[in-house]
Amino acid sequence: GQGGGVEYRTILGGQTVYIHPSSALFSRRPAPSTVIFAELVVTTKAYMRTVTAVQEPWLAELVPQLFTKKEATDNHPDTPRHTSSAASSRSGRGAPRAFRRNLMIDE
């Protein structure tokens, strides 16, 4: 699907967010599985702006307080993922994830 239509879950709070249409990542296919963003714009949906695609293991290494050891292993690219209905998964494992830069440091 279209990058902008992909649901992401913030790692802190589990908020459903989407890539803003003005982002270069909006139409990227496949959509990045993990992103960080600097700004959230809320209209009919919560849209991430100033978005960067990252590899989740980088975040586990750089901001370990956000992950348990098991989550870091579970979310490693070499670990198989189930993606059907992943965006609605309560745990968020396997679902696209979003990280707000200032929340990673402040919370």
C-alpha atoms as a PDB file:
ATOM      1  CA  GLY A   1       0.000   0.000   0.000  1.00  0.00           C
ATOM      2  CA  GLN A   2       0.851   3.648  -0.078  1.00  0.00           C
ATOM      3  CA  GLY A   3       3.340   4.833   2.560  1.00  0.00           C
ATOM      4  CA  GLY A   4       0.891   7.428   3.829  1.00  0.00           C
ATOM      5  CA  GLY A   5      -1.804   4.816   4.349  1.00  0.00           C
ATOM      6  CA  VAL A   6       0.356   2.631   6.571  1.00  0.00           C
ATOM      7  CA  GLU A   7      -0.529   2.785  10.252  1.00  0.00           C
ATOM      8  CA  TYR A   8       2.374   3.220  12.626  1.00  0.00           C
ATOM      9  CA  ARG A   9       2.281   2.851  16.401  1.00  0.00           C
ATOM     10  CA  THR A  10       4.390   5.072  18.599  1.00  0.00           C
ATOM     11  CA  ILE A  11       6.547   3.008  20.911  1.00  0.00           C
ATOM     12  CA  LEU A  12       5.649   5.266  23.826  1.00  0.00           C
ATOM     13  CA  GLY A  13       1.900   5.444  24.269  1.00  0.00           C
ATOM     14  CA  GLY A  14       0.951   3.226  21.322  1.00  0.00           C
ATOM     15  CA  GLN A  15      -0.668   6.113  19.418  1.00  0.00           C
ATOM     16  CA  THR A  16      -1.690   5.397  15.824  1.00  0.00           C
ATOM     17  CA  VAL A  17       0.090   7.798  13.462  1.00  0.00           C
ATOM     18  CA  TYR A  18       0.602   8.152   9.710  1.00  0.00           C
ATOM     19  CA  ILE A  19       3.293   9.642   7.470  1.00  0.00           C
ATOM     20  CA  HIS A  20       2.292  13.151   6.350  1.00  0.00           C
ATOM     21  CA  PRO A  21       1.612  13.538   2.589  1.00  0.00           C
ATOM     22  CA  SER A  22       4.330  16.230   2.353  1.00  0.00           C
ATOM     23  CA  SER A  23       6.988  13.727   3.454  1.00  0.00           C
ATOM     24  CA  ALA A  24       9.293  12.134   0.890  1.00  0.00           C
ATOM     25  CA  LEU A  25       8.528   8.815   2.618  1.00  0.00           C
ATOM     26  CA  PHE A  26       4.770   9.158   2.016  1.00  0.00           C
ATOM     27  CA  SER A  27       4.836   7.294  -1.310  1.00  0.00           C
ATOM     28  CA  ARG A  28       7.839   5.067  -0.606  1.00  0.00           C
ATOM     29  CA  ARG A  29       7.201   1.429  -1.382  1.00  0.00           C
ATOM     30  CA  PRO A  30       7.531  -0.636   0.577  1.00  0.00           C
ATOM     31  CA  ALA A  31       6.827   1.716   3.457  1.00  0.00           C
ATOM     32  CA  PRO A  32       9.616   1.799   6.055  1.00  0.00           C
ATOM     33  CA  SER A  33       8.949  -0.501   8.991  1.00  0.00           C
ATOM     34  CA  THR A  34      10.473   1.854  11.573  1.00  0.00           C
ATOM     35  CA  VAL A  35      10.673   5.636  11.553  1.00  0.00           C
ATOM     36  CA  ILE A  36      11.522   8.512  13.835  1.00  0.00           C
ATOM     37  CA  PHE A  37       9.808  11.865  13.557  1.00  0.00           C
ATOM     38  CA  ALA A  38      10.121  15.362  14.970  1.00  0.00           C
ATOM     39  CA  GLU A  39       6.617  16.782  14.611  1.00  0.00           C
ATOM     40  CA  LEU A  40       3.082  15.475  14.905  1.00  0.00           C
ATOM     41  CA  VAL A  41       0.285  17.297  13.055  1.00  0.00           C
ATOM     42  CA  VAL A  42      -3.231  16.294  14.090  1.00  0.00           C
ATOM     43  CA  THR A  43      -6.125  16.843  11.684  1.00  0.00           C
ATOM     44  CA  THR A  44      -8.537  13.992  10.976  1.00  0.00           C
ATOM     45  CA  LYS A  45      -5.536  11.721  11.692  1.00  0.00           C
ATOM     46  CA  ALA A  46      -2.225  12.160  13.508  1.00  0.00           C
ATOM     47  CA  TYR A  47       0.433  12.775  10.852  1.00  0.00           C
ATOM     48  CA  MET A  48       4.199  12.555  11.364  1.00  0.00           C
ATOM     49  CA  ARG A  49       6.318  15.256   9.743  1.00  0.00           C
ATOM     50  CA  THR A  50      10.097  15.465   9.460  1.00  0.00           C
ATOM     51  CA  VAL A  51      10.226  11.673   9.213  1.00  0.00           C
ATOM     52  CA  THR A  52      13.339   9.507   8.848  1.00  0.00           C
ATOM     53  CA  ALA A  53      13.431   5.771   8.173  1.00  0.00           C
ATOM     54  CA  VAL A  54      15.686   3.850  10.564  1.00  0.00           C
ATOM     55  CA  GLN A  55      16.506   0.263  11.382  1.00  0.00           C
ATOM     56  CA  GLU A  56      14.982  -0.724  14.706  1.00  0.00           C
ATOM     57  CA  PRO A  57      18.160  -2.449  16.003  1.00  0.00           C
ATOM     58  CA  TRP A  58      19.887   0.956  15.818  1.00  0.00           C
ATOM     59  CA  LEU A  59      17.376   2.333  18.306  1.00  0.00           C
ATOM     60  CA  ALA A  60      17.718  -0.677  20.589  1.00  0.00           C
ATOM     61  CA  GLU A  61      21.457   0.012  20.704  1.00  0.00           C
ATOM     62  CA  LEU A  62      21.309   3.809  20.996  1.00  0.00           C
ATOM     63  CA  VAL A  63      18.267   4.096  23.290  1.00  0.00           C
ATOM     64  CA  PRO A  64      18.207   0.792  25.202  1.00  0.00           C
ATOM     65  CA  GLN A  65      15.767   2.094  27.836  1.00  0.00           C
ATOM     66  CA  LEU A  66      13.007   1.809  25.213  1.00  0.00           C
ATOM     67  CA  PHE A  67      13.492  -1.927  24.779  1.00  0.00           C
ATOM     68  CA  THR A  68      13.725  -5.062  26.813  1.00  0.00           C
ATOM     69  CA  LYS A  69      16.335  -7.532  25.588  1.00  0.00           C
ATOM     70  CA  LYS A  70      13.543  -9.763  24.235  1.00  0.00           C
ATOM     71  CA  GLU A  71      11.943  -6.923  22.232  1.00  0.00           C
ATOM     72  CA  ALA A  72      15.273  -5.982  20.677  1.00  0.00           C
ATOM     73  CA  THR A  73      15.726  -9.614  19.572  1.00  0.00           C
ATOM     74  CA  ASP A  74      12.108  -9.997  18.445  1.00  0.00           C
ATOM     75  CA  ASN A  75      12.353  -6.893  16.277  1.00  0.00           C
ATOM     76  CA  HIS A  76      15.698  -7.694  14.664  1.00  0.00           C
ATOM     77  CA  PRO A  77      15.444  -7.812  10.843  1.00  0.00           C
ATOM     78  CA  ASP A  78      16.592 -11.455  10.822  1.00  0.00           C
ATOM     79  CA  THR A  79      13.657 -12.446  13.045  1.00  0.00           C
ATOM     80  CA  PRO A  80      10.581 -13.544  11.060  1.00  0.00           C
ATOM     81  CA  ARG A  81       7.602 -11.196  11.407  1.00  0.00           C
ATOM     82  CA  HIS A  82       3.890 -11.706  10.917  1.00  0.00           C
ATOM     83  CA  THR A  83       2.501  -8.657   9.175  1.00  0.00           C
ATOM     84  CA  SER A  84      -1.159  -9.439   8.501  1.00  0.00           C
ATOM     85  CA  SER A  85      -3.319  -7.245  10.752  1.00  0.00           C
ATOM     86  CA  ALA A  86      -0.084  -6.152  12.421  1.00  0.00           C
ATOM     87  CA  ALA A  87      -1.107  -2.520  12.761  1.00  0.00           C
ATOM     88  CA  SER A  88      -3.922  -3.467  15.109  1.00  0.00           C
ATOM     89  CA  SER A  89      -1.751  -5.774  17.212  1.00  0.00           C
ATOM     90  CA  ARG A  90      -1.952  -4.832  20.903  1.00  0.00           C
ATOM     91  CA  SER A  91       1.722  -5.551  21.479  1.00  0.00           C
ATOM     92  CA  GLY A  92       2.813  -3.780  18.305  1.00  0.00           C
ATOM     93  CA  ARG A  93       5.391  -6.501  17.589  1.00  0.00           C
ATOM     94  CA  GLY A  94       5.736  -6.918  13.850  1.00  0.00           C
ATOM     95  CA  ALA A  95       3.768  -3.731  13.230  1.00  0.00           C
ATOM     96  CA  PRO A  96       5.333  -0.614  11.782  1.00  0.00           C
ATOM     97  CA  ARG A  97       6.694   1.481  14.630  1.00  0.00           C
ATOM     98  CA  ALA A  98       7.263   5.170  15.050  1.00  0.00           C
ATOM     99  CA  PHE A  99       9.488   6.990  17.478  1.00  0.00           C
ATOM    100  CA  ARG A 100       9.221  10.655  18.289  1.00  0.00           C
ATOM    101  CA  ARG A 101      12.735  11.984  18.770  1.00  0.00           C
ATOM    102  CA  ASN A 102      12.030  14.210  21.760  1.00  0.00           C
ATOM    103  CA  LEU A 103       9.974  11.502  23.484  1.00  0.00           C
ATOM    104  CA  MET A 104      12.839   9.042  23.203  1.00  0.00           C
ATOM    105  CA  ILE A 105      14.944  11.322  25.362  1.00  0.00           C
ATOM    106  CA  ASP A 106      12.386  12.978  27.634  1.00  0.00           C
ATOM    107  CA  GLU A 107      10.254  10.021  28.699  1.00  0.00           C
END
